[in-house]
Amino acid sequence: QVRLVESGGGLVQAGGSLRLSCTVSGIRFSINDIGWYRQAPGKQRELVAGITRRSSTNYADSVKGRFTISRDNAKNTVYLQMNSLKPEDTAVYYCNNLSPANFVPWGQGTQVTVSS
């Protein structure tokens, strides 16, 4: 059974930092390309960062230079280090496969709230 568990969210002031974790079970984690997504109230879910099986990374323009995605295949975990947070980063953050064709059931997400 595939399971995605996101954690590490919270309330932080603008300019602060958070580190999110996504632990994956039920799939061969090391061969999957993984993305961090977010969904703000009233908006569609968007991809903010992705990491391939070979650890190549890509970022949305809105987070480039502030967020860093990484992975630890031994722990089946992907991380998202978020620095210089802005109120517009407020959203529920999720992880899933990078390719929509390979999406697995979404986890519960982790709430990130950035106060101004």
Protein backbone atom coordinates (compact mmCIF):
# COMPACT_ATOMS: atom_id res chain seq x y z
CA GLN A 1 0.00 0.00 0.00
CA VAL A 2 1.43 3.34 -1.06
CA ARG A 3 1.59 5.97 1.63
CA LEU A 4 2.87 9.54 1.64
CA VAL A 5 3.40 11.29 4.98
CA GLU A 6 4.29 14.97 5.01
CA SER A 7 5.47 16.77 8.14
CA GLY A 8 7.38 19.80 9.35
CA GLY A 9 4.91 22.57 8.65
CA GLY A 10 3.96 25.28 11.08
CA LEU A 11 3.49 28.97 11.71
CA VAL A 12 6.49 31.18 11.00
CA GLN A 13 7.09 34.89 10.54
CA ALA A 14 8.06 36.30 7.18
CA GLY A 15 11.76 35.78 6.59
CA GLY A 16 11.82 32.62 8.64
CA SER A 17 12.61 29.04 7.68
CA LEU A 18 11.00 25.63 7.81
CA ARG A 19 12.11 22.17 6.72
CA LEU A 20 9.45 19.84 5.40
CA SER A 21 9.80 16.07 5.20
CA CYS A 22 7.97 13.57 3.02
CA THR A 23 8.31 9.91 3.87
CA VAL A 24 7.23 7.46 1.19
CA SER A 25 6.30 3.81 1.60
CA GLY A 26 4.88 1.17 -0.69
CA ILE A 27 6.85 2.07 -3.81
CA ARG A 28 10.45 1.78 -4.91
CA PHE A 29 11.35 5.22 -3.71
CA SER A 30 14.85 5.35 -5.18
CA ILE A 31 13.64 5.04 -8.77
CA ASN A 32 10.92 7.65 -8.50
CA ASP A 33 11.09 11.33 -9.34
CA ILE A 34 9.40 13.23 -6.52
CA GLY A 35 7.87 16.66 -6.32
CA TRP A 36 6.72 19.02 -3.60
CA TYR A 37 3.41 20.67 -4.38
CA ARG A 38 1.36 23.28 -2.56
CA GLN A 39 -2.22 24.42 -2.56
CA ALA A 40 -3.26 27.78 -1.19
CA PRO A 41 -6.90 28.54 -0.31
CA GLY A 42 -8.93 29.09 -3.44
CA LYS A 43 -6.06 28.16 -5.74
CA GLN A 44 -5.07 25.10 -7.70
CA ARG A 45 -2.34 22.80 -6.52
CA GLU A 46 1.02 23.77 -8.01
CA LEU A 47 4.42 22.17 -8.28
CA VAL A 48 7.06 24.09 -6.37
CA ALA A 49 10.09 21.80 -6.55
CA GLY A 50 11.09 18.46 -8.01
CA ILE A 51 13.95 16.02 -7.68
CA THR A 52 14.72 13.16 -10.03
CA ARG A 53 16.02 9.71 -9.17
CA ARG A 54 19.48 11.06 -10.02
CA SER A 55 18.93 14.07 -7.76
CA SER A 56 18.56 16.65 -10.51
CA THR A 57 16.38 19.44 -9.20
CA ASN A 58 14.03 22.05 -10.57
CA TYR A 59 12.07 24.85 -8.96
CA ALA A 60 9.15 27.13 -9.64
CA ASP A 61 10.29 30.66 -10.34
CA SER A 62 8.44 31.86 -7.24
CA VAL A 63 10.67 29.82 -4.91
CA LYS A 64 13.95 29.68 -6.82
CA GLY A 65 16.85 30.72 -4.62
CA ARG A 66 14.80 30.31 -1.42
CA PHE A 67 13.76 26.64 -1.40
CA THR A 68 16.00 23.58 -1.67
CA ILE A 69 14.75 20.06 -2.34
CA SER A 70 16.81 17.03 -1.42
CA ARG A 71 16.34 13.31 -0.92
CA ASP A 72 17.66 10.52 1.27
CA ASN A 73 17.00 7.22 -0.48
CA ALA A 74 18.10 5.24 2.57
CA LYS A 75 15.26 6.84 4.53
CA ASN A 76 12.72 6.95 1.67
CA THR A 77 12.40 10.65 2.43
CA VAL A 78 12.37 13.88 0.46
CA TYR A 79 13.00 17.21 2.15
CA LEU A 80 12.11 20.77 1.32
CA GLN A 81 14.20 23.42 3.02
CA MET A 82 12.33 26.70 2.85
CA ASN A 83 14.17 29.91 3.66
CA SER A 84 13.19 33.57 3.43
CA LEU A 85 9.55 32.61 3.66
CA LYS A 86 6.92 35.03 2.44
CA PRO A 87 3.21 35.31 3.28
CA GLU A 88 2.44 34.12 -0.26
CA ASP A 89 4.12 30.79 0.59
CA THR A 90 1.21 30.05 2.91
CA ALA A 91 -0.39 26.81 1.72
CA VAL A 92 -0.80 23.13 2.41
CA TYR A 93 2.29 21.35 1.11
CA TYR A 94 2.16 17.87 -0.39
CA CYS A 95 4.58 15.47 -2.03
CA ASN A 96 3.91 13.07 -4.87
CA ASN A 97 5.43 11.71 -8.03
CA LEU A 98 6.74 14.34 -10.43
CA SER A 99 4.73 12.92 -13.31
CA PRO A 100 0.94 13.29 -13.02
CA ALA A 101 0.62 10.00 -14.88
CA ASN A 102 2.33 8.32 -11.93
CA PHE A 103 0.53 10.08 -9.08
CA VAL A 104 -0.24 7.93 -6.07
CA PRO A 105 -2.96 8.75 -3.49
CA TRP A 106 -2.21 12.11 -1.89
CA GLY A 107 -1.22 12.33 1.75
CA GLN A 108 -2.75 14.69 4.28
CA GLY A 109 -0.22 17.41 3.55
CA THR A 110 1.40 19.76 6.03
CA GLN A 111 0.19 23.31 6.65
CA VAL A 112 2.65 26.17 6.27
CA THR A 113 1.50 29.56 7.45
CA VAL A 114 3.71 32.61 7.05
CA SER A 115 2.68 35.73 8.93
CA SER A 116 3.66 39.20 7.79
